Each structure stands twice: as structure tokens, then as C-alpha cells.
Amino acid sequence: MKTQILLFCVVLSLSAQGQGCIPVRNIVGFGQFMKPEYEGLEVEQTTWVVSVNTRYSEIARSYVGSERTNLASEDERINETFIMNFGVIRILPNGWAFGMDFPIAANSRTTWQEHDPTNADKVHHTVRSFGIGDVRFTAYKWLWKTTVTHRGNIQVGLGLKLPTGDYKYQDYFYKASGKIIAPVNSTIQLGDGGTGFTTELNTYYNLTGNMSLYGNFFYLFNPRDQNGVSSIDGGGTPSQLQIETGDFVNSVPDSYTARAGLNLSIKMLTLSAGARIEGQPTYDLIGRSNGTRRAGYTISIEPGINYRVKKSILYAFVPLTAGRKTQQTVPDKLRSDIEGKYFISGGGFADYMVFVGALFKI
């Protein structure tokens, strides 16, 4: 009987402002898949695939461009993000598949500046967010017949991302005058407030019987310009410069991820090694790009492992950051024009990320 298993590790993520992290929204993902396997050329079977995927990262270092800032350790903003995604995929005949991804996030951000910036003792406080993220529905199609053994194949995907995550999430901030409630930094907001659509391309090519190349490419289109949520940390008042440049309300940005590398299969074990890039552009491909965003990208070396147990697959990937860079945003460019000198916002980057999950064929 033909076994057709797609390993969809939905890659989830983050966002930021100020000295926050470079945002890649928590719905950003693509299939880190196992290529179709064949035992003869029987008629294609319909099946269900259920997955549970997690992503963890900690961000405690800030950069301007590609240069690390000289902030003292007590002045760094620390972000921790843990996201668990529940995925369900319906495998249909003729290479079609339909999937839904349902993320739940638990995030925290520890700073002193966002609470009482006049505090000489630099007392740190932590704000948190927890809840459902932005849900995504996707249709997939293999370009070549999956009932015939091929040396390689390409899968394309088109999806809809809904603004189900709370993009106005609030928590308590500790001011000199007392405790207030205000929107948390966009780093740990549960959604971006935009209805978007996603495009994906997943591919593999067999070099030998146990060695193959893989590639995954993902882009999120977010046509909405701004979501109306203040980007001033801790409920502060925007400056005149922030008002003039539009740098006081959160943007709804596009995001992208791509990875490519080599798989080596040894019986039930598959080892992988590759490279990965993810980030957020200065300008959206559709719609305007005003408001506060942290444009930039990270480049990582990505080792990984998959282990098959009967109808299940266990996996782990640990991307190690090799390069990172913040890029000018629309408000940065306007500020540069107003001040007559080049300006670029800073942002935080993780040194590594951890993806762990499991897939079950039903």
C-alpha cells in the first residue's frame, strides 16, 4: 500500500519594536516535509495527518544594522516566545491536500525602560501574553503525480491567514505614579490584525537511494497598512517626531521564510543539514507599509533530525544564527529626511531557535 506522509512543521514566530526582536509572525511556516514514499504503484489513498509543533526562542541581544549595540546587560530587553501549533492535513487523491494550523502562544518580555525609564535602580518587570494566534487554512498540490515514483517533485500551496490572534493584548506596566494597563510590545502580541494570504513552495530531489535535497519557501502577504494599536511601549505619549513619521502605531507587515539543504536517511532516522533565512521586508508587496515595524532578517545554519516510529514521526530542528541585520523602515526613512542624516532602528535577534514536534498518520 502506498504511504504518503507530509511532515508539516509549521514555523511560528515573533515580532517587535524599539529594541524588540525582528518580527516573523507566529503563523509564518511551511512544510518541513517527508517526501512521498512508495511501496509499488497502487491507487492513491486518502488519509489524515495530525501534527503538534513547537517553537521556542529567547532574544536578549540588540543590533542596529548588522552591528551589535553596546548596551549593558541590564539594559537589554529580553523576549521569550513559546508557540505550539496544532495542524490537521487532509490528504486527497491526485496530489491535493488541505490543511489547517491552529497556534497557541505563551510569550513574555522583561525590561525596565518600558515601565519607569526614570528609575535609576533599573528595576525590571515582565509583561506576558497568552492565547490563540492567527489561524491559517492552506490548499496544497504536488505538480507531478504522486502515484508514480519520481526522482523529485514540487508542491505548491496557497493559504488564507485570519486575524484570530489578539493584536491588542494588554498587560500591567509599573510606572512611578502606579500600575497601569496598556498594549504589550508587538514582540509578544498574539496576532498582527491583518487578513493575509500565503504562498508556499516545497520541493525535494533524490541524489541517491538515501540522500536527497530539499527546499521550502514561504511568503505571507499582509495587505492591511496599520492595525491601529499604539507602538509606544507602556502606554506612553508619542513625540512630535514619531507623529510626523507615523512611528507610533503598529504596522501589519509581510513576512517570509526560506530553507534549503540535504537529507541523509539511515533506516528509520533522517539527518538534515541546511541553511535558513527568515525576516520581514521594508515594503509590503501589496498595500502600504506605514507604521512601526522592524524590517530585517536572520540567516541560520539549520541541523535537524527526524525519527520514524510506525505511523508517527518525531523531529527536532535547531537553527543557529549565523548572520542578522535590521533594515530601514518607512518611518526611519522619513526621520532621515527630517533630520538630514541617516537613521535606522535597532532590533533584537535570537542566537538560536528550537523546533520540536511530532506527526501522526491516522
Foldseek 3Di string as FASTA:
>chain_A
DWDFWFAWAFAAWFFFFFQAAFTDHGRHGWTPTDGTDGDALDFDDKFKKKKKKKKKFKWFWKDAFFHTDPDDSLATKIKIKMKIKIKMKIQDAQFKIKMKIKMKMKMKIKFQCLAEVVDPVGDIDMDIDTGIAKMKIKMKGKPDHPSDDDQKIKMKMKMKTHGPFAQFDWDWGHYPVGIDIGGATRRHGRYQQFIWMKIKMWMKGHPDPFKIKIKIKMKIAGAFFFRFGFNRRNPDDDDPLCVVLQATTGTRFMKIKMKIWMWGDDPQKIKIKIKMKIGTAQAGPHHGHGYDGWGKMWIWIKIKMWGDDPQKIWMKIKTATDTITTDAHSSQVVSCVVVVHHDTGMYIDTRMMMMTMMMGID
